[in-house]
Protein backbone atom coordinates (compact mmCIF):
# COMPACT_ATOMS: atom_id res chain seq x y z
CA UNK A 1 106.89 73.53 90.22
CA UNK A 2 108.51 71.97 87.19
CA UNK A 3 111.84 72.45 85.50
CA UNK A 4 111.16 74.55 82.41
CA UNK A 5 113.23 74.44 79.28
CA UNK A 6 114.91 77.81 78.56
CA UNK A 7 112.52 78.86 75.77
CA UNK A 8 109.59 76.60 76.60
CA UNK A 9 106.60 78.15 74.82
CA UNK A 10 107.93 81.71 75.10
CA UNK A 11 107.65 82.51 71.42
CA UNK A 12 103.91 81.79 71.45
CA UNK A 13 103.00 82.93 74.97
CA UNK A 14 100.37 85.66 75.01
CA UNK A 15 100.53 87.98 78.03
CA UNK A 16 97.33 89.56 79.31
CA UNK A 17 99.38 92.75 79.77
CA UNK A 18 102.83 93.83 80.87
CA UNK A 19 106.43 93.26 79.73
CA UNK A 20 107.55 90.80 77.09
CA UNK A 21 107.44 87.17 78.30
CA UNK A 22 111.18 86.49 78.13
CA UNK A 23 112.00 89.70 79.99
CA UNK A 24 109.57 88.85 82.77
CA UNK A 25 110.92 85.32 83.12
CA UNK A 26 114.47 86.63 83.42
CA UNK A 27 113.57 89.39 85.86
CA UNK A 28 111.63 87.17 88.26
CA UNK A 29 113.45 83.88 87.86
CA UNK A 30 110.23 81.90 88.25
CA UNK A 31 111.04 78.23 88.72
CA UNK A 32 107.81 76.84 87.27
CA UNK A 33 106.35 79.65 85.17
CA UNK A 34 106.54 83.23 83.94
CA UNK A 35 104.95 86.42 85.21
CA UNK A 36 103.66 89.68 83.84
CA UNK A 37 102.73 93.06 85.19
CA UNK A 38 99.24 94.35 84.66
CA UNK A 39 97.88 97.86 84.42
CA UNK A 40 96.21 99.74 87.25
CA UNK A 41 92.54 100.53 87.64
CA UNK A 42 91.44 104.11 88.26
CA UNK A 43 92.46 105.60 91.60
CA UNK A 44 90.05 105.89 94.51
CA UNK A 45 89.80 108.60 97.13
CA UNK A 46 92.49 108.36 99.82
CA UNK A 47 91.35 105.83 102.47
CA UNK A 48 91.57 106.20 106.22
CA UNK A 49 94.84 104.81 107.58
CA UNK A 50 95.42 103.07 110.87
CA UNK A 51 96.55 99.99 112.81
CA UNK A 52 93.10 98.39 112.95
CA UNK A 53 91.68 95.69 110.72
CA UNK A 54 90.94 96.65 107.14
CA UNK A 55 87.53 97.74 105.92
CA UNK A 56 86.25 98.94 102.57
CA UNK A 57 87.01 102.53 103.65
CA UNK A 58 90.14 102.06 105.80
CA UNK A 59 93.45 100.45 104.95
CA UNK A 60 94.72 98.05 107.60
CA UNK A 61 95.32 94.39 108.39
CA UNK A 62 93.70 91.93 105.95
CA UNK A 63 90.47 90.28 107.08
CA UNK A 64 88.45 87.44 105.60
CA UNK A 65 86.18 90.04 103.99
CA UNK A 66 88.60 92.66 102.63
CA UNK A 67 92.28 93.34 102.03
CA UNK A 68 94.16 96.25 100.47
CA UNK A 69 96.51 96.25 97.51
CA UNK A 70 99.25 98.82 96.91
CA UNK A 71 99.99 99.68 93.28
CA UNK A 72 103.61 100.78 92.92
CA UNK A 73 103.92 103.98 90.93
CA UNK A 74 107.71 103.98 90.68
CA UNK A 75 110.82 102.56 92.35
CA UNK A 76 109.82 102.65 96.01
CA UNK A 77 112.17 102.73 99.07
CA UNK A 78 111.65 100.09 101.75
CA UNK A 79 111.79 100.81 105.49
CA UNK A 80 112.05 98.56 108.54
CA UNK A 81 109.68 100.88 110.41
CA UNK A 82 107.64 103.92 109.33
CA UNK A 83 109.85 107.01 108.88
CA UNK A 84 112.65 105.60 111.04
CA UNK A 85 116.32 105.30 110.10
CA UNK A 86 117.31 104.83 106.50
CA UNK A 87 115.68 102.98 103.66
CA UNK A 88 116.94 99.40 103.33
CA UNK A 89 116.51 98.90 99.64
CA UNK A 90 113.70 99.35 97.16
CA UNK A 91 111.03 97.49 95.22
CA UNK A 92 110.01 98.26 91.65
CA UNK A 93 106.83 97.77 89.62
CA UNK A 94 108.78 95.34 87.43
CA UNK A 95 109.22 93.03 90.44
CA UNK A 96 105.54 93.19 91.38
CA UNK A 97 103.10 95.82 90.14
CA UNK A 98 100.77 95.35 93.13
CA UNK A 99 101.70 94.39 96.70
CA UNK A 100 99.49 93.03 99.47
CA UNK A 101 99.11 95.43 102.42
CA UNK A 102 99.69 93.73 105.78
CA UNK A 103 99.38 96.72 108.14
CA UNK A 104 99.00 100.49 108.13
CA UNK A 105 100.20 103.24 110.44
CA UNK A 106 100.18 107.04 110.61
CA UNK A 107 103.49 108.70 111.59
CA UNK A 108 103.98 111.78 113.77
CA UNK A 109 103.59 114.05 110.75
CA UNK A 110 100.27 112.52 109.76
CA UNK A 111 101.62 110.52 106.81
CA UNK A 112 100.22 107.07 106.08
CA UNK A 113 102.64 104.14 105.85
CA UNK A 114 101.74 100.61 104.79
CA UNK A 115 103.58 97.38 105.44
CA UNK A 116 103.57 95.16 102.35
CA UNK A 117 104.41 91.57 101.51
CA UNK A 118 107.55 91.53 99.38
CA UNK A 119 108.05 89.30 96.31
CA UNK A 120 111.42 88.06 97.62
CA UNK A 121 112.77 85.49 100.03
CA UNK A 122 112.12 84.69 102.83
CA UNK A 123 108.44 83.95 102.44
CA UNK A 124 107.54 86.25 105.34
CA UNK A 125 109.55 89.14 103.88
CA UNK A 126 107.79 92.46 104.50
CA UNK A 127 108.69 96.15 104.64
CA UNK A 128 107.06 99.55 105.09
CA UNK A 129 106.51 101.99 102.24
CA UNK A 130 105.27 105.57 102.18
CA UNK A 131 101.66 105.27 101.02
CA UNK A 132 102.10 108.41 98.93
CA UNK A 133 104.33 106.33 96.63
CA UNK A 134 101.52 103.88 95.87
CA UNK A 135 97.91 103.74 94.77
CA UNK A 136 95.77 101.88 97.32
CA UNK A 137 92.71 99.83 96.46
CA UNK A 138 90.58 97.41 98.51
CA UNK A 139 89.75 93.93 97.26
CA UNK A 140 87.11 91.50 98.51
CA UNK A 141 88.87 88.55 96.86
CA UNK A 142 90.97 85.93 98.61
CA UNK A 143 92.28 82.52 97.55
CA UNK A 144 92.75 79.77 100.14
CA UNK A 145 94.74 76.63 99.36
CA UNK A 146 94.35 73.74 101.82
CA UNK A 147 97.18 71.29 101.39
CA UNK A 148 95.66 68.37 103.30
CA UNK A 149 92.33 68.55 101.49
CA UNK A 150 94.10 69.48 98.22
CA UNK A 151 91.56 72.14 97.45
CA UNK A 152 91.57 75.78 96.37
CA UNK A 153 88.75 78.04 97.55
CA UNK A 154 87.87 81.39 95.98
CA UNK A 155 86.34 83.79 98.50
CA UNK A 156 84.45 86.99 97.73
CA UNK A 157 83.86 89.18 100.79
CA UNK A 158 84.55 86.20 103.05
CA UNK A 159 82.04 83.98 101.24
CA UNK A 160 83.22 80.95 99.32
CA UNK A 161 82.03 81.15 95.75
CA UNK A 162 83.97 78.23 94.23
CA UNK A 163 86.04 75.28 95.37
CA UNK A 164 88.42 73.42 93.05
CA UNK A 165 90.45 70.25 93.47
CA UNK A 166 94.16 70.85 92.92
CA UNK A 167 97.57 69.20 92.77
CA UNK A 168 99.85 70.43 95.58
CA UNK A 169 103.51 69.89 96.41
CA UNK A 170 104.68 66.36 97.14
CA UNK A 171 106.04 65.58 100.64
CA UNK A 172 109.66 66.16 99.59
CA UNK A 173 108.85 69.57 98.07
CA UNK A 174 105.66 70.78 99.77
CA UNK A 175 103.78 73.90 98.81
CA UNK A 176 104.95 76.48 101.39
CA UNK A 177 102.49 77.60 104.06
CA UNK A 178 101.83 81.27 104.70
CA UNK A 179 100.08 84.41 103.54
CA UNK A 180 101.23 85.40 100.06
CA UNK A 181 99.89 87.40 97.15
CA UNK A 182 99.63 87.05 93.39
CA UNK A 183 102.41 88.80 91.48
CA UNK A 184 100.87 88.79 88.01
CA UNK A 185 98.76 87.00 85.41
CA UNK A 186 100.21 85.16 82.44
CA UNK A 187 98.25 83.65 79.57
CA UNK A 188 99.92 80.40 78.50
CA UNK A 189 99.34 77.47 76.10
CA UNK A 190 96.47 75.25 77.31
CA UNK A 191 98.21 72.15 75.91
CA UNK A 192 101.50 72.94 77.69
CA UNK A 193 102.51 71.45 81.05
CA UNK A 194 101.69 74.79 82.74
CA UNK A 195 98.23 75.03 81.22
CA UNK A 196 96.15 78.02 80.15
CA UNK A 197 97.28 80.56 82.79
CA UNK A 198 100.03 81.08 85.33
CA UNK A 199 99.60 83.12 88.52
CA UNK A 200 103.06 83.46 90.11
CA UNK A 201 103.05 84.12 93.86
CA UNK A 202 105.33 85.95 96.27
CA UNK A 203 105.98 82.48 97.72
CA UNK A 204 109.19 80.49 97.23
CA UNK A 205 109.97 76.84 97.87
CA UNK A 206 111.42 76.17 101.32
CA UNK A 207 113.32 73.21 99.85
CA UNK A 208 114.48 74.29 96.40
CA UNK A 209 116.62 77.41 96.48
CA UNK A 210 117.03 77.21 92.71
CA UNK A 211 114.89 75.37 90.20
CA UNK A 212 114.67 75.32 86.42
CA UNK A 213 116.98 78.33 86.12
CA UNK A 214 114.92 80.38 88.58
CA UNK A 215 114.87 81.08 92.30
CA UNK A 216 112.27 78.48 93.25
CA UNK A 217 109.25 80.78 93.04
CA UNK A 218 105.91 79.03 93.53
CA UNK A 219 102.81 79.73 91.46
CA UNK A 220 99.28 78.64 90.68
CA UNK A 221 98.86 77.34 87.14
CA UNK A 222 96.76 75.19 84.84
CA UNK A 223 97.40 71.67 83.55
CA UNK A 224 98.22 70.27 80.13
CA UNK A 225 100.47 67.78 78.41
CA UNK A 226 102.37 65.55 80.83
CA UNK A 227 101.05 67.37 83.91
CA UNK A 228 97.72 65.63 83.26
CA UNK A 229 99.36 62.43 84.46
CA UNK A 230 99.15 63.76 88.04
CA UNK A 231 95.46 63.61 88.99
CA UNK A 232 93.67 66.47 90.69
CA UNK A 233 93.56 65.82 94.43
CA UNK A 234 97.14 64.49 94.53
CA UNK A 235 100.39 65.80 96.01
CA UNK A 236 102.92 65.47 93.19
CA UNK A 237 104.27 68.91 92.25
CA UNK A 238 107.53 70.62 93.21
CA UNK A 239 105.53 73.18 95.19
CA UNK A 240 103.27 74.86 92.67
CA UNK A 241 99.49 74.50 92.84
CA UNK A 242 97.92 73.08 89.68
CA UNK A 243 94.26 73.46 88.67
CA UNK A 244 92.33 72.36 85.64
CA UNK A 245 92.45 74.83 82.78
CA UNK A 246 88.71 75.39 83.16
CA UNK A 247 89.20 76.30 86.83
CA UNK A 248 92.02 78.79 86.35
CA UNK A 249 90.24 80.31 83.35
CA UNK A 250 87.19 80.82 85.58
CA UNK A 251 89.34 82.56 88.22
CA UNK A 252 90.91 84.93 85.69
CA UNK A 253 87.54 85.64 84.09
CA UNK A 254 85.68 86.16 87.39
CA UNK A 255 88.26 88.30 89.25
CA UNK A 256 89.89 89.78 86.16
CA UNK A 257 93.51 89.96 85.06
CA UNK A 258 93.74 93.49 86.50
CA UNK A 259 92.13 92.50 89.79
CA UNK A 260 94.27 89.45 90.60
CA UNK A 261 97.75 90.94 91.30
CA UNK A 262 98.14 91.76 94.98
CA UNK A 263 95.19 89.76 96.30
CA UNK A 264 95.87 87.55 99.35
CA UNK A 265 96.61 83.86 98.87
CA UNK A 266 96.62 81.80 102.04
CA UNK A 267 98.27 78.38 101.90
CA UNK A 268 97.58 76.26 104.95
């Protein structure tokens, strides 16, 4: 992550889709970058729902080959357990248009519930939502960041299709470990510190509770300007993962701006 000046590049930032750049920055408080919401693809037929591992036809726990994304249709209540007690808050499409599904369960009335990764602290934050309040879609894509090797792998159906060298968090502010998801896709200035694109994550720094006017959110972004001083394969960021502009442009082009939000990102 990097401390961003209040209006750093905002007037010229070009979102792939979603709210105005300044509004998104304010709403999400991203410490090293901005975020945008993207539109939803067409709906699929309702999948099978259960506690097993996910498949292309059944929503469930993420596997190396497939995971499920939940597109929020409106402000959605959050539950500690399916159909038990009272809702404990809500999540909105403005916070994250797509959420990663962690588990699925059918209640006594036959309704499907999905547990989703939340875009808030702590990094393991999760809650259940009524699947009828969301549009569910499978994805074969997964991103794996390996801190020790300082690499980022792009997997399609469990098969690695590309590996990129990256800059990860320095020892004092390491990139947090865990299973996260991409919140949005933001087109940025290639010559700026943050590079050509920013992919904010549900992850937050475990060290920096506040950073650059935001809440310490961690993201994946390109490189430009002074960030080029930190070579790929080094550990010098405040927690964000930096790729070359060519690499992050390839990711956005290959998976698509509409396909990236909600996909699993494993940092290990």
